[in-house]
Amino acid sequence: PVSLDGKCVYRHSDLNEDSVFGIPAFEAGLAVRYRYRSRILVELSADFLSRRDITVEGRQMYAPSYCNLCFKAEYRLSRTLAVWAKGLNLLDQFVGPVPTYARRGVDITAGISCTLR
């Protein structure tokens, strides 16, 4: 079965002018998941945050808007063991979920997960 998740948020706040952590005015996300016979999971998602104005030591700065495209695949070997891989920032953009922290470049991670029952 295929599942679809989405979110869309618009906010207005006076905190943007005096806050170190600017609040994005617009935030959106979309995720599509496909699961095959409880063994294979494939997920594609995208998150978007608009530009955020911030103040650092009295200086006006901004964190740019970005779109974070992600892909995840998982294969269940048994009820308790699975192998997975995921790729983040597939568009190779400046991704800054928090204005003082930024990631640049494609990020690929793989692993094994064990579910304890």
Protein backbone atom coordinates (compact mmCIF):
# COMPACT_ATOMS: atom_id res chain seq x y z
CA PRO A 1 0.00 0.00 0.00
CA VAL A 2 0.98 3.59 -0.65
CA SER A 3 0.63 6.30 2.00
CA LEU A 4 0.88 10.04 1.58
CA ASP A 5 1.63 12.59 4.31
CA GLY A 6 1.77 16.33 3.98
CA LYS A 7 1.95 19.54 5.96
CA CYS A 8 1.66 23.21 5.18
CA VAL A 9 2.17 25.90 7.83
CA TYR A 10 2.05 29.68 7.62
CA ARG A 11 2.94 31.72 10.70
CA HIS A 12 3.35 35.35 11.52
CA SER A 13 5.27 36.38 14.61
CA ASP A 14 6.94 39.49 15.99
CA LEU A 15 9.73 37.27 17.30
CA ASN A 16 11.47 37.42 13.90
CA GLU A 17 12.69 40.95 14.58
CA ASP A 18 14.31 40.42 17.99
CA SER A 19 15.06 36.70 18.06
CA VAL A 20 18.30 34.88 17.39
CA PHE A 21 16.29 31.96 15.99
CA GLY A 22 14.11 33.38 13.25
CA ILE A 23 10.81 31.64 12.69
CA PRO A 24 10.07 30.71 9.06
CA ALA A 25 6.88 32.27 7.74
CA PHE A 26 6.18 29.28 5.50
CA GLU A 27 6.90 25.59 6.01
CA ALA A 28 5.72 22.68 3.89
CA GLY A 29 6.41 18.98 3.60
CA LEU A 30 5.33 15.99 1.56
CA ALA A 31 6.16 12.29 2.02
CA VAL A 32 5.18 9.29 -0.09
CA ARG A 33 5.71 5.78 1.33
CA TYR A 34 5.33 2.45 -0.41
CA ARG A 35 5.40 -0.81 1.54
CA TYR A 36 5.51 -4.19 -0.20
CA ARG A 37 4.51 -7.30 1.77
CA SER A 38 5.84 -5.94 5.07
CA ARG A 39 9.37 -6.52 3.77
CA ILE A 40 10.25 -3.58 1.55
CA LEU A 41 9.71 0.08 2.41
CA VAL A 42 10.52 2.92 0.02
CA GLU A 43 9.99 6.55 1.03
CA LEU A 44 10.48 9.82 -0.82
CA SER A 45 10.01 13.09 1.07
CA ALA A 46 10.58 16.80 0.62
CA ASP A 47 10.60 19.55 3.26
CA PHE A 48 10.62 23.27 2.49
CA LEU A 49 11.37 26.18 4.86
CA SER A 50 11.20 29.82 3.81
CA ARG A 51 13.88 32.41 4.52
CA ARG A 52 14.30 33.37 8.19
CA ASP A 53 15.54 36.75 9.40
CA ILE A 54 17.70 36.54 12.51
CA THR A 55 19.63 38.91 14.77
CA VAL A 56 23.09 37.91 16.00
CA GLU A 57 24.94 40.32 18.30
CA GLY A 58 22.88 43.22 16.98
CA ARG A 59 23.53 42.37 13.32
CA GLN A 60 20.65 41.55 11.00
CA MET A 61 21.28 38.29 9.15
CA TYR A 62 19.17 35.65 7.46
CA ALA A 63 19.02 31.92 6.91
CA PRO A 64 18.08 31.20 3.30
CA SER A 65 15.09 29.14 2.25
CA TYR A 66 15.70 25.54 1.23
CA CYS A 67 14.09 22.34 0.04
CA ASN A 68 15.42 19.10 1.55
CA LEU A 69 14.71 16.13 -0.71
CA CYS A 70 15.16 12.74 0.99
CA PHE A 71 14.99 9.08 -0.05
CA LYS A 72 14.83 6.04 2.22
CA ALA A 73 14.76 2.30 1.47
CA GLU A 74 14.45 -0.54 3.97
CA TYR A 75 14.41 -4.32 3.61
CA ARG A 76 13.22 -6.50 6.49
CA LEU A 77 15.23 -9.69 6.79
CA SER A 78 13.00 -10.93 9.62
CA ARG A 79 10.52 -9.54 12.13
CA THR A 80 13.37 -8.18 14.21
CA LEU A 81 16.15 -7.38 11.72
CA ALA A 82 16.25 -4.90 8.83
CA VAL A 83 18.83 -3.17 6.64
CA TRP A 84 18.23 0.38 5.43
CA ALA A 85 19.77 3.27 3.55
CA LYS A 86 18.74 6.89 3.30
CA GLY A 87 19.88 9.91 1.38
CA LEU A 88 19.34 13.46 2.63
CA ASN A 89 19.68 16.79 0.82
CA LEU A 90 19.62 15.15 -2.60
CA LEU A 91 19.31 18.58 -4.25
CA ASP A 92 22.67 19.57 -2.69
CA GLN A 93 21.37 22.80 -1.15
CA PHE A 94 22.32 24.76 1.95
CA VAL A 95 20.09 23.09 4.57
CA GLY A 96 19.84 25.00 7.84
CA PRO A 97 17.13 23.65 10.14
CA VAL A 98 18.48 26.00 12.81
CA PRO A 99 20.11 29.32 11.78
CA THR A 100 23.35 28.55 13.64
CA TYR A 101 23.71 25.06 12.16
CA ALA A 102 23.89 24.22 8.45
CA ARG A 103 24.55 21.16 6.34
CA ARG A 104 25.83 21.33 2.83
CA GLY A 105 26.16 18.46 0.38
CA VAL A 106 24.41 15.16 -0.12
CA ASP A 107 24.29 12.95 2.98
CA ILE A 108 23.99 9.15 2.59
CA THR A 109 23.59 6.86 5.59
CA ALA A 110 23.10 3.08 5.80
CA GLY A 111 22.58 0.76 8.70
CA ILE A 112 21.05 -2.27 10.34
CA SER A 113 18.17 -2.02 12.77
CA CYS A 114 17.15 -4.56 15.36
CA THR A 115 13.69 -4.42 16.93
CA LEU A 116 13.58 -5.85 20.44
CA ARG A 117 10.33 -7.52 21.44
